[in-house]
Amino acid sequence: MAAMRDLSARQGNEWKLDPESFWTVLEPFLRHLATHAAEWWVTEEPVDGSMVGYARSIERGGLFELSEFFIRPDRQSAGIGRRLMERVYPPGRGDVRAIIATTDVRGLRRYYAAGTVARFGMASLAGQPKPAHVAGSLEPVLATSLDIPEIAAIEETVFGYPRHADYPWLFEQREPYLYRRAGRTVGFAFFSKTGQGPIAALDPADLRAILLHLEALAHARGMESISFEVPTINEVAMQHLLGRGFKIDAPLNLLMSNVPFGQFDRLIAFAPAIVL
């Protein structure tokens, strides 16, 4: 099923919450997804109208992404998921079709049938933030909405698709930072107490300084834990965070797509692991 299914089971990071607090954290983003969904379908019991499952997808230019896909456990393996998938993730829609998937075997079978292929793992690395000194020439600057074109330009270069519909929400819910060297913007990050990302750098080597800055922010704010959704092919981020004592939370998710895209060696995805 969609990756969000596993969030409440994670240990050791900011998502280890009671159900009420978990919903409080997640609800603003789910409302945003509801507002900007490309497709949003539910399936109901014919007798009493109770919900059996629901699914949503989002679209950013030519990127078409499945964001949520849930079927009630007692109604799985009955063909409902296939019919729901046909509507929320119709064949041929999008130049790039992407899914952050769990390793649920029934879900994987359905996603392969939809034309996507597992490209690499997505790891949630969590740890207790420690004091960090950001050395070097990279300068963090708190961004404003006037800086959105710079963020979009970097994201289009690294990710392939700017998320124009998401920037207002990100600026409202998270602290946006630009990272500059000699007056040139070379990266950006979105930080909050409830989730990090997206984070991108034009040069993968700059991710070390960016991650140290965010860890220092988390330590200064008294956060007990901070986590990042890291593509496992992102060598710099994986080695840096593991070297800082961060742990990989099980299980891994998978980035699936119909074609290869993006430069994920210099990208850290949106958290929670619902969309990239």
Protein backbone atom coordinates (compact mmCIF):
# COMPACT_ATOMS: atom_id res chain seq x y z
CA MET A 1 0.00 0.00 0.00
CA ALA A 2 1.00 3.66 -0.10
CA ALA A 3 3.91 4.62 2.12
CA MET A 4 1.85 6.64 4.60
CA ARG A 5 0.43 3.39 5.93
CA ASP A 6 3.65 2.74 7.81
CA LEU A 7 4.12 6.13 9.49
CA SER A 8 2.33 5.34 12.73
CA ALA A 9 4.47 2.21 13.19
CA ARG A 10 7.82 3.99 13.03
CA GLN A 11 9.94 4.16 16.12
CA GLY A 12 12.57 6.63 17.26
CA ASN A 13 11.53 9.74 15.34
CA GLU A 14 8.95 12.49 15.54
CA TRP A 15 6.17 10.20 14.32
CA LYS A 16 6.16 8.12 17.53
CA LEU A 17 2.94 9.77 18.69
CA ASP A 18 -0.38 8.82 20.17
CA PRO A 19 -3.18 8.69 17.56
CA GLU A 20 -4.63 12.09 18.48
CA SER A 21 -1.25 13.84 18.30
CA PHE A 22 -0.39 11.94 15.14
CA TRP A 23 -3.52 13.25 13.45
CA THR A 24 -2.82 16.78 14.67
CA VAL A 25 0.60 16.63 13.01
CA LEU A 26 -0.57 15.02 9.77
CA GLU A 27 -3.92 16.74 9.26
CA PRO A 28 -2.65 20.04 7.75
CA PHE A 29 -0.84 18.23 4.95
CA LEU A 30 -3.73 15.86 4.27
CA ARG A 31 -5.98 18.90 3.91
CA HIS A 32 -3.47 20.36 1.46
CA LEU A 33 -3.48 17.12 -0.54
CA ALA A 34 -7.27 17.14 -0.57
CA THR A 35 -7.29 20.67 -1.96
CA HIS A 36 -4.75 19.95 -4.68
CA ALA A 37 -5.52 16.33 -5.54
CA ALA A 38 -5.45 15.40 -9.20
CA GLU A 39 -7.73 12.43 -8.51
CA TRP A 40 -9.53 11.49 -5.28
CA TRP A 41 -11.75 8.43 -5.19
CA VAL A 42 -13.48 6.46 -2.44
CA THR A 43 -15.19 3.10 -2.54
CA GLU A 44 -18.19 2.33 -0.33
CA GLU A 45 -20.24 -0.62 0.84
CA PRO A 46 -23.38 -0.83 -1.35
CA VAL A 47 -25.65 -1.61 1.62
CA ASP A 48 -24.78 0.97 4.27
CA GLY A 49 -22.47 3.35 2.42
CA SER A 50 -19.57 2.83 4.82
CA MET A 51 -16.15 3.54 3.36
CA VAL A 52 -14.13 0.54 2.20
CA GLY A 53 -11.12 2.41 0.84
CA TYR A 54 -9.84 5.62 -0.66
CA ALA A 55 -6.98 6.82 -2.85
CA ARG A 56 -5.55 10.12 -4.05
CA SER A 57 -2.98 11.27 -6.57
CA ILE A 58 -1.28 14.59 -7.27
CA GLU A 59 0.11 16.15 -10.43
CA ARG A 60 2.98 18.63 -10.79
CA GLY A 61 3.41 19.44 -14.46
CA GLY A 62 4.35 16.15 -16.08
CA LEU A 63 4.90 14.34 -12.75
CA PHE A 64 1.93 12.21 -11.69
CA GLU A 65 2.26 10.69 -8.21
CA LEU A 66 0.11 8.37 -6.12
CA SER A 67 -0.07 9.90 -2.65
CA GLU A 68 -2.41 7.59 -0.71
CA PHE A 69 -3.96 4.18 -1.32
CA PHE A 70 -5.88 2.37 1.42
CA ILE A 71 -8.26 -0.58 1.48
CA ARG A 72 -9.91 -1.80 4.67
CA PRO A 73 -8.11 -5.03 5.75
CA ASP A 74 -11.27 -7.14 5.71
CA ARG A 75 -11.98 -6.15 2.08
CA GLN A 76 -8.54 -6.61 0.56
CA SER A 77 -7.84 -9.19 -2.19
CA ALA A 78 -11.37 -8.77 -3.56
CA GLY A 79 -10.62 -6.71 -6.68
CA ILE A 80 -11.56 -3.40 -5.02
CA GLY A 81 -7.99 -2.13 -5.04
CA ARG A 82 -7.56 -2.81 -8.75
CA ARG A 83 -10.70 -0.87 -9.65
CA LEU A 84 -9.75 2.00 -7.32
CA MET A 85 -6.25 2.11 -8.80
CA GLU A 86 -7.62 2.34 -12.35
CA ARG A 87 -9.46 5.53 -11.40
CA VAL A 88 -6.95 7.30 -9.18
CA TYR A 89 -3.87 6.35 -11.22
CA PRO A 90 -5.16 5.92 -14.78
CA PRO A 91 -2.78 4.43 -17.36
CA GLY A 92 -0.96 6.89 -19.59
CA ARG A 93 -1.40 9.92 -17.37
CA GLY A 94 1.83 11.83 -16.66
CA ASP A 95 5.19 11.82 -18.39
CA VAL A 96 6.72 10.52 -15.14
CA ARG A 97 4.56 8.30 -12.91
CA ALA A 98 5.88 7.90 -9.36
CA ILE A 99 4.92 6.12 -6.15
CA ILE A 100 6.56 5.92 -2.74
CA ALA A 101 5.61 2.35 -1.91
CA THR A 102 5.92 0.03 1.05
CA THR A 103 7.20 -3.50 0.52
CA ASP A 104 3.70 -4.94 0.87
CA VAL A 105 3.71 -7.67 -1.79
CA ARG A 106 0.13 -7.11 -2.93
CA GLY A 107 0.77 -3.40 -3.30
CA LEU A 108 3.99 -4.00 -5.22
CA ARG A 109 2.24 -6.32 -7.64
CA ARG A 110 -0.38 -3.65 -8.29
CA TYR A 111 2.24 -0.92 -8.78
CA TYR A 112 4.24 -3.01 -11.23
CA ALA A 113 0.98 -3.66 -13.11
CA ALA A 114 0.56 0.13 -13.27
CA GLY A 115 3.84 0.35 -15.19
CA THR A 116 6.15 1.50 -12.39
CA VAL A 117 9.43 -0.16 -11.39
CA ALA A 118 11.30 -0.03 -8.07
CA ARG A 119 14.31 2.28 -8.57
CA PHE A 120 15.85 2.48 -5.08
CA GLY A 121 15.01 2.50 -1.39
CA MET A 122 13.83 5.45 0.66
CA ALA A 123 15.20 5.37 4.20
CA SER A 124 13.95 7.29 7.21
CA LEU A 125 17.04 8.24 9.23
CA ALA A 126 16.25 9.46 12.73
CA GLY A 127 18.41 10.63 15.59
CA GLN A 128 18.70 12.88 18.61
CA PRO A 129 20.02 16.23 17.37
CA LYS A 130 23.40 17.22 18.72
CA PRO A 131 25.17 20.59 18.68
CA ALA A 132 26.59 21.19 15.22
CA HIS A 133 28.91 23.79 13.79
CA VAL A 134 28.45 24.67 10.14
CA ALA A 135 31.92 25.39 8.82
CA GLY A 136 32.83 26.49 5.33
CA SER A 137 31.54 29.02 2.88
CA LEU A 138 27.85 28.07 2.82
CA GLU A 139 25.58 30.75 4.29
CA PRO A 140 22.04 29.83 5.48
CA VAL A 141 19.47 32.57 4.89
CA LEU A 142 15.82 32.52 5.98
CA ALA A 143 13.81 32.71 2.76
CA THR A 144 10.70 34.72 1.95
CA SER A 145 8.02 34.19 -0.65
CA LEU A 146 10.03 36.45 -2.97
CA ASP A 147 12.62 33.66 -3.10
CA ILE A 148 10.22 31.05 -4.47
CA PRO A 149 11.55 31.44 -8.05
CA GLU A 150 15.05 30.53 -6.81
CA ILE A 151 13.74 27.49 -4.94
CA ALA A 152 11.69 26.42 -7.97
CA ALA A 153 14.70 26.77 -10.26
CA ILE A 154 16.85 24.53 -8.05
CA GLU A 155 14.06 22.01 -7.65
CA GLU A 156 13.49 21.88 -11.39
CA THR A 157 17.22 21.26 -11.91
CA VAL A 158 17.53 18.58 -9.22
CA PHE A 159 14.08 16.99 -9.03
CA GLY A 160 12.83 17.81 -12.50
CA TYR A 161 9.52 19.33 -11.41
CA PRO A 162 8.94 22.44 -9.26
CA ARG A 163 6.00 22.14 -6.88
CA HIS A 164 4.35 25.53 -7.37
CA ALA A 165 1.06 24.46 -5.77
CA ASP A 166 2.94 23.32 -2.64
CA TYR A 167 5.19 26.34 -1.99
CA PRO A 168 2.52 28.47 -0.24
CA TRP A 169 1.76 25.55 2.13
CA LEU A 170 5.45 24.88 2.75
CA PHE A 171 6.12 28.54 3.55
CA GLU A 172 3.16 28.60 5.94
CA GLN A 173 3.96 25.32 7.73
CA ARG A 174 7.77 25.16 7.67
CA GLU A 175 10.78 27.45 7.92
CA PRO A 176 12.29 27.92 4.45
CA TYR A 177 16.04 28.35 4.12
CA LEU A 178 18.25 29.22 1.19
CA TYR A 179 21.93 28.29 1.20
CA ARG A 180 24.22 30.72 -0.59
CA ARG A 181 27.87 30.79 -1.54
CA ALA A 182 29.41 34.03 -2.74
CA GLY A 183 25.91 35.43 -3.27
CA ARG A 184 24.73 32.48 -5.39
CA THR A 185 21.93 30.22 -4.13
CA VAL A 186 23.13 26.61 -4.25
CA GLY A 187 20.50 24.82 -2.13
CA PHE A 188 17.35 25.07 -0.05
CA ALA A 189 15.61 23.30 2.83
CA PHE A 190 12.29 23.34 4.66
CA PHE A 191 12.45 22.74 8.43
CA SER A 192 9.85 22.18 11.15
CA LYS A 193 9.38 20.32 14.42
CA THR A 194 7.02 17.88 12.71
CA GLY A 195 8.82 17.07 9.48
CA GLN A 196 11.67 18.05 7.24
CA GLY A 197 11.99 18.60 3.51
CA PRO A 198 12.09 18.90 0.71
CA ILE A 199 15.84 19.59 0.71
CA ALA A 200 18.01 19.95 -2.39
CA ALA A 201 21.52 21.06 -3.32
CA LEU A 202 23.02 21.69 -6.73
CA ASP A 203 26.22 19.98 -5.52
CA PRO A 204 25.73 16.84 -3.38
CA ALA A 205 28.73 17.79 -1.21
CA ASP A 206 26.76 20.79 0.14
CA LEU A 207 24.23 18.48 1.78
CA ARG A 208 26.59 17.95 4.73
CA ALA A 209 26.52 21.62 5.67
CA ILE A 210 22.77 21.85 5.08
CA LEU A 211 22.05 18.84 7.29
CA LEU A 212 24.35 20.16 10.02
CA HIS A 213 22.49 23.47 9.96
CA LEU A 214 19.12 21.73 10.32
CA GLU A 215 20.43 19.49 13.10
CA ALA A 216 21.74 22.57 14.92
CA LEU A 217 18.32 24.21 14.58
CA ALA A 218 16.63 21.10 16.00
CA HIS A 219 19.04 21.02 18.94
CA ALA A 220 18.52 24.71 19.64
CA ARG A 221 14.73 24.23 19.61
CA GLY A 222 14.98 21.40 22.15
CA MET A 223 13.71 18.73 19.77
CA GLU A 224 14.23 15.19 21.08
CA SER A 225 14.46 13.76 17.59
CA ILE A 226 14.80 14.78 13.96
CA SER A 227 14.46 12.57 10.89
CA PHE A 228 15.04 12.79 7.17
CA GLU A 229 13.60 10.82 4.25
CA VAL A 230 16.75 9.95 2.30
CA PRO A 231 17.02 8.18 -1.06
CA THR A 232 19.45 5.33 -0.41
CA ILE A 233 21.45 6.33 -3.51
CA ASN A 234 22.17 9.67 -1.82
CA GLU A 235 25.67 8.68 -0.69
CA VAL A 236 26.53 12.01 0.96
CA ALA A 237 23.40 12.23 3.12
CA MET A 238 23.37 8.53 4.06
CA GLN A 239 27.01 8.46 5.14
CA HIS A 240 26.82 11.84 6.88
CA LEU A 241 23.73 11.01 8.95
CA LEU A 242 24.88 7.50 9.83
CA GLY A 243 28.23 8.98 10.85
CA ARG A 244 26.37 11.41 13.14
CA GLY A 245 24.69 8.49 14.92
CA PHE A 246 21.36 8.52 13.09
CA LYS A 247 19.58 5.17 12.77
CA ILE A 248 17.64 3.74 9.85
CA ASP A 249 14.02 3.15 10.85
CA ALA A 250 12.47 -0.01 9.46
CA PRO A 251 10.87 -0.69 7.12
CA LEU A 252 12.39 0.89 4.02
CA ASN A 253 10.06 2.31 1.40
CA LEU A 254 10.69 2.13 -2.35
CA LEU A 255 10.68 4.85 -4.96
CA MET A 256 8.87 3.43 -7.97
CA SER A 257 8.47 5.14 -11.34
CA ASN A 258 7.76 4.34 -14.96
CA VAL A 259 11.05 5.94 -16.10
CA PRO A 260 14.19 7.12 -14.27
CA PHE A 261 14.09 10.81 -13.34
CA GLY A 262 15.68 13.36 -11.04
CA GLN A 263 19.09 13.59 -9.39
CA PHE A 264 18.34 11.86 -6.11
CA ASP A 265 21.97 11.88 -5.01
CA ARG A 266 21.42 15.54 -4.04
CA LEU A 267 17.81 15.44 -2.85
CA ILE A 268 16.10 14.64 0.46
CA ALA A 269 12.40 14.03 0.11
CA PHE A 270 9.40 15.50 1.88
CA ALA A 271 8.59 14.01 5.28
CA PRO A 272 6.26 12.36 6.18
CA ALA A 273 6.81 9.80 3.42
CA ILE A 274 3.61 10.42 1.51
CA VAL A 275 4.99 12.16 -1.57
CA LEU A 276 8.46 13.06 -2.81
